[in-house]
C-alpha atoms as a PDB file:
ATOM      1  CA  MET A   1     -11.445  -9.658  18.292  1.00  0.00           C
ATOM      2  CA  THR A   2      -9.164 -10.118  15.296  1.00  0.00           C
ATOM      3  CA  ASP A   3      -6.781  -7.421  16.503  1.00  0.00           C
ATOM      4  CA  SER A   4      -6.659  -9.016  19.960  1.00  0.00           C
ATOM      5  CA  THR A   5      -5.915 -12.451  18.513  1.00  0.00           C
ATOM      6  CA  GLY A   6      -3.264 -11.012  16.238  1.00  0.00           C
ATOM      7  CA  ASP A   7      -1.610  -9.171  19.121  1.00  0.00           C
ATOM      8  CA  ARG A   8      -1.533 -12.339  21.219  1.00  0.00           C
ATOM      9  CA  THR A   9      -0.062 -14.369  18.381  1.00  0.00           C
ATOM     10  CA  GLU A  10       2.616 -11.758  17.833  1.00  0.00           C
ATOM     11  CA  GLU A  11       3.391 -11.745  21.553  1.00  0.00           C
ATOM     12  CA  LEU A  12       3.825 -15.518  21.618  1.00  0.00           C
ATOM     13  CA  ILE A  13       6.054 -15.457  18.551  1.00  0.00           C
ATOM     14  CA  ASP A  14       8.217 -12.782  20.180  1.00  0.00           C
ATOM     15  CA  LEU A  15       8.519 -14.818  23.371  1.00  0.00           C
ATOM     16  CA  MET A  16       9.579 -17.921  21.450  1.00  0.00           C
ATOM     17  CA  ALA A  17      12.137 -15.870  19.550  1.00  0.00           C
ATOM     18  CA  ALA A  18      13.573 -14.562  22.824  1.00  0.00           C
ATOM     19  CA  LEU A  19      13.860 -18.075  24.232  1.00  0.00           C
ATOM     20  CA  ASP A  20      15.423 -19.288  20.996  1.00  0.00           C
ATOM     21  CA  GLN A  21      18.078 -16.601  21.433  1.00  0.00           C
ATOM     22  CA  LEU A  22      18.902 -18.037  24.847  1.00  0.00           C
ATOM     23  CA  ALA A  23      18.980 -21.511  23.346  1.00  0.00           C
ATOM     24  CA  GLY A  24      21.501 -20.295  20.807  1.00  0.00           C
ATOM     25  CA  GLY A  25      23.715 -18.662  23.407  1.00  0.00           C
ATOM     26  CA  ALA A  26      22.796 -15.149  22.374  1.00  0.00           C
ATOM     27  CA  ALA A  27      22.223 -13.912  25.926  1.00  0.00           C
ATOM     28  CA  PRO A  28      24.592 -11.135  27.069  1.00  0.00           C
ATOM     29  CA  GLY A  29      27.283 -12.298  29.452  1.00  0.00           C
ATOM     30  CA  GLY A  30      28.313 -15.570  27.878  1.00  0.00           C
ATOM     31  CA  PRO A  31      26.813 -18.883  26.805  1.00  0.00           C
ATOM     32  CA  GLU A  32      25.739 -19.966  30.323  1.00  0.00           C
ATOM     33  CA  SER A  33      24.632 -16.580  31.607  1.00  0.00           C
ATOM     34  CA  ASP A  34      21.083 -15.256  31.865  1.00  0.00           C
ATOM     35  CA  PRO A  35      20.900 -11.510  32.564  1.00  0.00           C
ATOM     36  CA  ASP A  36      17.374 -11.844  33.963  1.00  0.00           C
ATOM     37  CA  PRO A  37      16.307 -15.371  35.048  1.00  0.00           C
ATOM     38  CA  THR A  38      13.060 -14.036  36.525  1.00  0.00           C
ATOM     39  CA  ARG A  39      12.093 -12.633  33.153  1.00  0.00           C
ATOM     40  CA  THR A  40      12.956 -15.898  31.401  1.00  0.00           C
ATOM     41  CA  PHE A  41      10.726 -17.781  33.827  1.00  0.00           C
ATOM     42  CA  SER A  42       7.885 -15.317  33.192  1.00  0.00           C
ATOM     43  CA  TRP A  43       8.252 -15.861  29.431  1.00  0.00           C
ATOM     44  CA  MET A  44       7.888 -19.598  29.877  1.00  0.00           C
ATOM     45  CA  GLU A  45       5.033 -19.154  32.315  1.00  0.00           C
ATOM     46  CA  ARG A  46       3.188 -17.016  29.775  1.00  0.00           C
ATOM     47  CA  LEU A  47       3.697 -19.595  27.028  1.00  0.00           C
ATOM     48  CA  ALA A  48       2.650 -22.436  29.325  1.00  0.00           C
ATOM     49  CA  ALA A  49      -0.671 -20.683  29.930  1.00  0.00           C
ATOM     50  CA  GLU A  50      -1.606 -21.366  26.304  1.00  0.00           C
ATOM     51  CA  PRO A  51      -3.176 -24.722  25.328  1.00  0.00           C
ATOM     52  CA  GLY A  52      -0.336 -27.163  24.735  1.00  0.00           C
ATOM     53  CA  GLY A  53       2.177 -24.602  25.944  1.00  0.00           C
ATOM     54  CA  LEU A  54       4.034 -26.851  28.368  1.00  0.00           C
ATOM     55  CA  GLU A  55       4.253 -29.604  25.766  1.00  0.00           C
ATOM     56  CA  LEU A  56       5.697 -27.077  23.320  1.00  0.00           C
ATOM     57  CA  LEU A  57       8.324 -25.875  25.798  1.00  0.00           C
ATOM     58  CA  VAL A  58       9.409 -29.389  26.758  1.00  0.00           C
ATOM     59  CA  GLY A  59       9.533 -30.516  23.144  1.00  0.00           C
ATOM     60  CA  ARG A  60      11.497 -27.473  22.029  1.00  0.00           C
ATOM     61  CA  TYR A  61      13.957 -27.017  24.892  1.00  0.00           C
ATOM     62  CA  GLY A  62      13.950 -30.287  26.864  1.00  0.00           C
ATOM     63  CA  THR A  63      17.088 -31.573  25.125  1.00  0.00           C
ATOM     64  CA  SER A  64      19.029 -28.336  25.578  1.00  0.00           C
ATOM     65  CA  ARG A  65      22.336 -28.421  27.437  1.00  0.00           C
ATOM     66  CA  ARG A  66      21.814 -24.858  28.637  1.00  0.00           C
ATOM     67  CA  ALA A  67      20.944 -24.286  32.282  1.00  0.00           C
ATOM     68  CA  VAL A  68      19.498 -20.876  31.430  1.00  0.00           C
ATOM     69  CA  LEU A  69      16.631 -22.742  29.757  1.00  0.00           C
ATOM     70  CA  LEU A  70      16.401 -25.939  31.803  1.00  0.00           C
ATOM     71  CA  ARG A  71      16.330 -24.210  35.188  1.00  0.00           C
ATOM     72  CA  PRO A  72      13.159 -22.197  34.495  1.00  0.00           C
ATOM     73  CA  LEU A  73      11.579 -25.047  32.513  1.00  0.00           C
ATOM     74  CA  THR A  74      12.018 -27.653  35.271  1.00  0.00           C
ATOM     75  CA  ARG A  75      10.983 -25.123  37.910  1.00  0.00           C
ATOM     76  CA  LEU A  76       7.831 -24.309  35.960  1.00  0.00           C
ATOM     77  CA  LEU A  77       6.886 -27.960  35.481  1.00  0.00           C
ATOM     78  CA  THR A  78       7.526 -28.887  39.113  1.00  0.00           C
ATOM     79  CA  ARG A  79       5.579 -25.872  40.359  1.00  0.00           C
ATOM     80  CA  THR A  80       2.700 -26.783  38.071  1.00  0.00           C
ATOM     81  CA  LEU A  81       2.736 -30.311  39.470  1.00  0.00           C
ATOM     82  CA  ALA A  82       2.626 -28.957  43.020  1.00  0.00           C
ATOM     83  CA  ARG A  83      -0.160 -26.466  42.356  1.00  0.00           C
ATOM     84  CA  GLN A  84      -2.402 -28.200  39.851  1.00  0.00           C
ATOM     85  CA  GLY A  85      -2.013 -31.851  40.741  1.00  0.00           C
ATOM     86  CA  THR A  86      -0.294 -34.667  38.905  1.00  0.00           C
ATOM     87  CA  GLY A  87      -2.273 -35.495  35.817  1.00  0.00           C
ATOM     88  CA  PRO A  88      -0.951 -37.994  33.273  1.00  0.00           C
ATOM     89  CA  ILE A  89       0.223 -35.260  30.890  1.00  0.00           C
ATOM     90  CA  LEU A  90       2.340 -33.511  33.525  1.00  0.00           C
ATOM     91  CA  GLY A  91       3.802 -36.811  34.700  1.00  0.00           C
ATOM     92  CA  SER A  92       4.663 -37.830  31.155  1.00  0.00           C
ATOM     93  CA  LEU A  93       6.325 -34.470  30.488  1.00  0.00           C
ATOM     94  CA  LEU A  94       8.449 -34.826  33.615  1.00  0.00           C
ATOM     95  CA  LEU A  95       9.561 -38.323  32.619  1.00  0.00           C
ATOM     96  CA  LEU A  96      10.352 -37.038  29.137  1.00  0.00           C
ATOM     97  CA  LEU A  97      12.607 -34.352  30.603  1.00  0.00           C
ATOM     98  CA  VAL A  98      14.348 -36.995  32.702  1.00  0.00           C
ATOM     99  CA  GLU A  99      14.867 -39.200  29.654  1.00  0.00           C
ATOM    100  CA  GLU A 100      16.191 -36.408  27.438  1.00  0.00           C
ATOM    101  CA  LEU A 101      18.266 -34.588  30.061  1.00  0.00           C
ATOM    102  CA  ALA A 102      21.538 -33.344  28.605  1.00  0.00           C
ATOM    103  CA  CYS A 103      22.175 -30.464  31.026  1.00  0.00           C
ATOM    104  CA  GLU A 104      24.760 -31.031  33.785  1.00  0.00           C
ATOM    105  CA  ASP A 105      23.366 -28.391  36.131  1.00  0.00           C
ATOM    106  CA  ASP A 106      22.644 -29.538  39.709  1.00  0.00           C
ATOM    107  CA  ALA A 107      19.776 -27.072  40.161  1.00  0.00           C
ATOM    108  CA  VAL A 108      18.005 -28.695  37.213  1.00  0.00           C
ATOM    109  CA  ARG A 109      18.422 -32.113  38.809  1.00  0.00           C
ATOM    110  CA  LEU A 110      17.046 -30.877  42.113  1.00  0.00           C
ATOM    111  CA  GLN A 111      13.902 -29.624  40.375  1.00  0.00           C
ATOM    112  CA  LEU A 112      13.440 -32.904  38.508  1.00  0.00           C
ATOM    113  CA  LEU A 113      13.948 -34.929  41.681  1.00  0.00           C
ATOM    114  CA  ASP A 114      11.395 -32.782  43.494  1.00  0.00           C
ATOM    115  CA  GLY A 115       8.895 -33.379  40.701  1.00  0.00           C
ATOM    116  CA  LEU A 116       9.514 -37.139  40.773  1.00  0.00           C
ATOM    117  CA  ARG A 117       9.093 -37.144  44.544  1.00  0.00           C
ATOM    118  CA  LEU A 118       5.692 -35.475  44.105  1.00  0.00           C
ATOM    119  CA  LEU A 119       4.679 -38.092  41.536  1.00  0.00           C
ATOM    120  CA  GLY A 120       5.674 -40.886  43.882  1.00  0.00           C
ATOM    121  CA  ALA A 121       3.923 -39.363  46.894  1.00  0.00           C
ATOM    122  CA  ARG A 122       0.696 -39.071  44.896  1.00  0.00           C
ATOM    123  CA  ASN A 123       0.967 -42.451  43.157  1.00  0.00           C
ATOM    124  CA  ALA A 124       0.927 -40.559  39.891  1.00  0.00           C
ATOM    125  CA  VAL A 125       3.917 -41.994  37.995  1.00  0.00           C
ATOM    126  CA  PRO A 126       2.633 -42.923  34.518  1.00  0.00           C
ATOM    127  CA  ALA A 127       2.545 -46.682  33.850  1.00  0.00           C
ATOM    128  CA  PRO A 128       4.106 -47.585  37.228  1.00  0.00           C
ATOM    129  CA  GLU A 129       4.221 -51.285  36.363  1.00  0.00           C
ATOM    130  CA  HIS A 130       6.669 -50.516  33.545  1.00  0.00           C
ATOM    131  CA  PRO A 131       8.775 -47.474  34.551  1.00  0.00           C
ATOM    132  CA  PRO A 132      11.166 -46.251  31.858  1.00  0.00           C
ATOM    133  CA  ALA A 133      14.784 -47.329  32.272  1.00  0.00           C
ATOM    134  CA  SER A 134      15.774 -43.662  32.285  1.00  0.00           C
ATOM    135  CA  LEU A 135      14.035 -43.255  35.658  1.00  0.00           C
ATOM    136  CA  HIS A 136      16.301 -45.591  37.616  1.00  0.00           C
ATOM    137  CA  ARG A 137      19.365 -44.394  35.677  1.00  0.00           C
ATOM    138  CA  PHE A 138      18.613 -40.780  36.561  1.00  0.00           C
ATOM    139  CA  VAL A 139      18.023 -41.494  40.247  1.00  0.00           C
ATOM    140  CA  GLY A 140      21.126 -43.678  40.405  1.00  0.00           C
ATOM    141  CA  GLU A 141      23.236 -41.005  38.736  1.00  0.00           C
ATOM    142  CA  CYS A 142      21.945 -38.404  41.199  1.00  0.00           C
ATOM    143  CA  LEU A 143      22.822 -40.698  44.118  1.00  0.00           C
ATOM    144  CA  GLY A 144      26.425 -40.553  42.935  1.00  0.00           C
ATOM    145  CA  ARG A 145      26.617 -36.767  42.732  1.00  0.00           C
ATOM    146  CA  GLY A 146      26.919 -35.992  46.422  1.00  0.00           C
ATOM    147  CA  GLY A 147      25.675 -32.991  48.350  1.00  0.00           C
ATOM    148  CA  LYS A 148      22.119 -31.729  48.015  1.00  0.00           C
ATOM    149  CA  VAL A 149      21.487 -33.718  44.838  1.00  0.00           C
ATOM    150  CA  GLN A 150      22.412 -36.963  46.570  1.00  0.00           C
ATOM    151  CA  MET A 151      20.140 -36.357  49.542  1.00  0.00           C
ATOM    152  CA  ALA A 152      17.277 -35.286  47.271  1.00  0.00           C
ATOM    153  CA  ALA A 153      17.769 -38.499  45.283  1.00  0.00           C
ATOM    154  CA  VAL A 154      17.508 -40.558  48.485  1.00  0.00           C
ATOM    155  CA  LEU A 155      14.197 -38.910  49.391  1.00  0.00           C
ATOM    156  CA  THR A 156      12.884 -39.242  45.841  1.00  0.00           C
ATOM    157  CA  LEU A 157      13.799 -42.912  45.622  1.00  0.00           C
ATOM    158  CA  THR A 158      12.053 -43.551  48.936  1.00  0.00           C
ATOM    159  CA  SER A 159       8.936 -41.855  47.592  1.00  0.00           C
ATOM    160  CA  LEU A 160       9.020 -43.889  44.378  1.00  0.00           C
ATOM    161  CA  LEU A 161       9.541 -47.168  46.232  1.00  0.00           C
ATOM    162  CA  GLU A 162       6.649 -46.440  48.560  1.00  0.00           C
ATOM    163  CA  SER A 163       4.411 -45.798  45.563  1.00  0.00           C
ATOM    164  CA  GLU A 164       3.125 -48.237  42.971  1.00  0.00           C
ATOM    165  CA  VAL A 165       6.289 -48.023  40.835  1.00  0.00           C
ATOM    166  CA  ARG A 166       7.741 -51.481  40.217  1.00  0.00           C
ATOM    167  CA  PHE A 167      11.386 -51.379  39.225  1.00  0.00           C
ATOM    168  CA  PRO A 168      12.638 -54.606  37.606  1.00  0.00           C
ATOM    169  CA  MET A 169      14.953 -56.745  39.693  1.00  0.00           C
ATOM    170  CA  GLU A 170      18.086 -55.740  37.795  1.00  0.00           C
ATOM    171  CA  GLN A 171      17.285 -52.059  38.305  1.00  0.00           C
ATOM    172  CA  LEU A 172      16.763 -52.627  42.015  1.00  0.00           C
ATOM    173  CA  ALA A 173      20.173 -54.269  42.170  1.00  0.00           C
ATOM    174  CA  ALA A 174      21.780 -51.271  40.450  1.00  0.00           C
ATOM    175  CA  LEU A 175      20.070 -48.851  42.829  1.00  0.00           C
ATOM    176  CA  ARG A 176      21.157 -50.882  45.838  1.00  0.00           C
ATOM    177  CA  GLN A 177      24.729 -50.787  44.572  1.00  0.00           C
ATOM    178  CA  ALA A 178      24.500 -47.008  44.273  1.00  0.00           C
ATOM    179  CA  LEU A 179      23.191 -46.780  47.825  1.00  0.00           C
ATOM    180  CA  ASN A 180      25.918 -49.061  49.133  1.00  0.00           C
ATOM    181  CA  SER A 181      28.482 -46.755  47.549  1.00  0.00           C
ATOM    182  CA  LEU A 182      27.317 -43.761  49.600  1.00  0.00           C
ATOM    183  CA  PRO A 183      29.819 -42.488  52.179  1.00  0.00           C
ATOM    184  CA  SER A 184      29.510 -43.794  55.745  1.00  0.00           C
ATOM    185  CA  PRO A 185      27.936 -43.301  58.169  1.00  0.00           C
ATOM    186  CA  VAL A 186      24.690 -43.963  56.353  1.00  0.00           C
ATOM    187  CA  SER A 187      22.027 -41.398  57.134  1.00  0.00           C
ATOM    188  CA  GLN A 188      18.553 -42.287  58.371  1.00  0.00           C
ATOM    189  CA  GLU A 189      17.135 -41.569  54.905  1.00  0.00           C
ATOM    190  CA  ASP A 190      19.668 -43.877  53.236  1.00  0.00           C
ATOM    191  CA  ALA A 191      18.877 -46.675  55.677  1.00  0.00           C
ATOM    192  CA  GLY A 192      15.182 -46.216  54.944  1.00  0.00           C
ATOM    193  CA  VAL A 193      15.770 -46.643  51.235  1.00  0.00           C
ATOM    194  CA  GLN A 194      17.873 -49.745  51.835  1.00  0.00           C
ATOM    195  CA  ALA A 195      15.033 -51.272  53.826  1.00  0.00           C
ATOM    196  CA  ALA A 196      12.503 -50.324  51.162  1.00  0.00           C
ATOM    197  CA  LEU A 197      14.655 -51.849  48.423  1.00  0.00           C
ATOM    198  CA  GLN A 198      14.992 -55.099  50.334  1.00  0.00           C
ATOM    199  CA  ALA A 199      11.248 -55.260  51.016  1.00  0.00           C
ATOM    200  CA  LEU A 200      10.381 -54.591  47.406  1.00  0.00           C
ATOM    201  CA  THR A 201      12.863 -57.215  46.183  1.00  0.00           C
ATOM    202  CA  ARG A 202      11.310 -59.815  48.486  1.00  0.00           C
ATOM    203  CA  LYS A 203       7.829 -58.879  47.298  1.00  0.00           C
ATOM    204  CA  GLN A 204       8.828 -59.240  43.645  1.00  0.00           C
ATOM    205  CA  ALA A 205      10.559 -62.550  44.317  1.00  0.00           C
ATOM    206  CA  GLN A 206       7.416 -63.853  46.016  1.00  0.00           C
ATOM    207  CA  ALA A 207       5.273 -62.722  43.098  1.00  0.00           C
ATOM    208  CA  ARG A 208       7.483 -64.604  40.640  1.00  0.00           C
ATOM    209  CA  ALA A 209       7.616 -67.807  42.680  1.00  0.00           C
END
């Protein structure tokens, strides 16, 4: 039993050391290159299987600017959300990643948007009456990126608006401005978000009257 525990501890230490090398840019091929992204994902998956493993990974690497770490980390968290449900811990970890995001990679944003869409669809956003300001900033920033990120942001925002999340009036105004800045012609998804924003604004105005 002791030998088994010692071997597992040594394995986990080795995995953290390997990830720390990636965090420090020690991967062969340059600072933004991962010679084996599948292996990196498997390292994180193994660590996440331990109690508190996901929290450790998010706390240690969530602020990294390196896509070689954020891609597998956001993929792992979003896949866990899809497979295991959207408990408060997973939702809080996703919002923490959104708040601390420093990586400019579009693939990372797509994973985060997918996770947020899942939270909205399941009414599982933590404290929906008081969403963090980073949530609307992130979605608004993604709306301005164009391409796949922009369309994913439209779908995610629709999901959040159809859930119990209550953006403050000033945040709704900022999101509407971002939507109005989208290129014409407006797609069906964009028009749906516009309608949802207007409906939610009216509902909030009625509640405050």
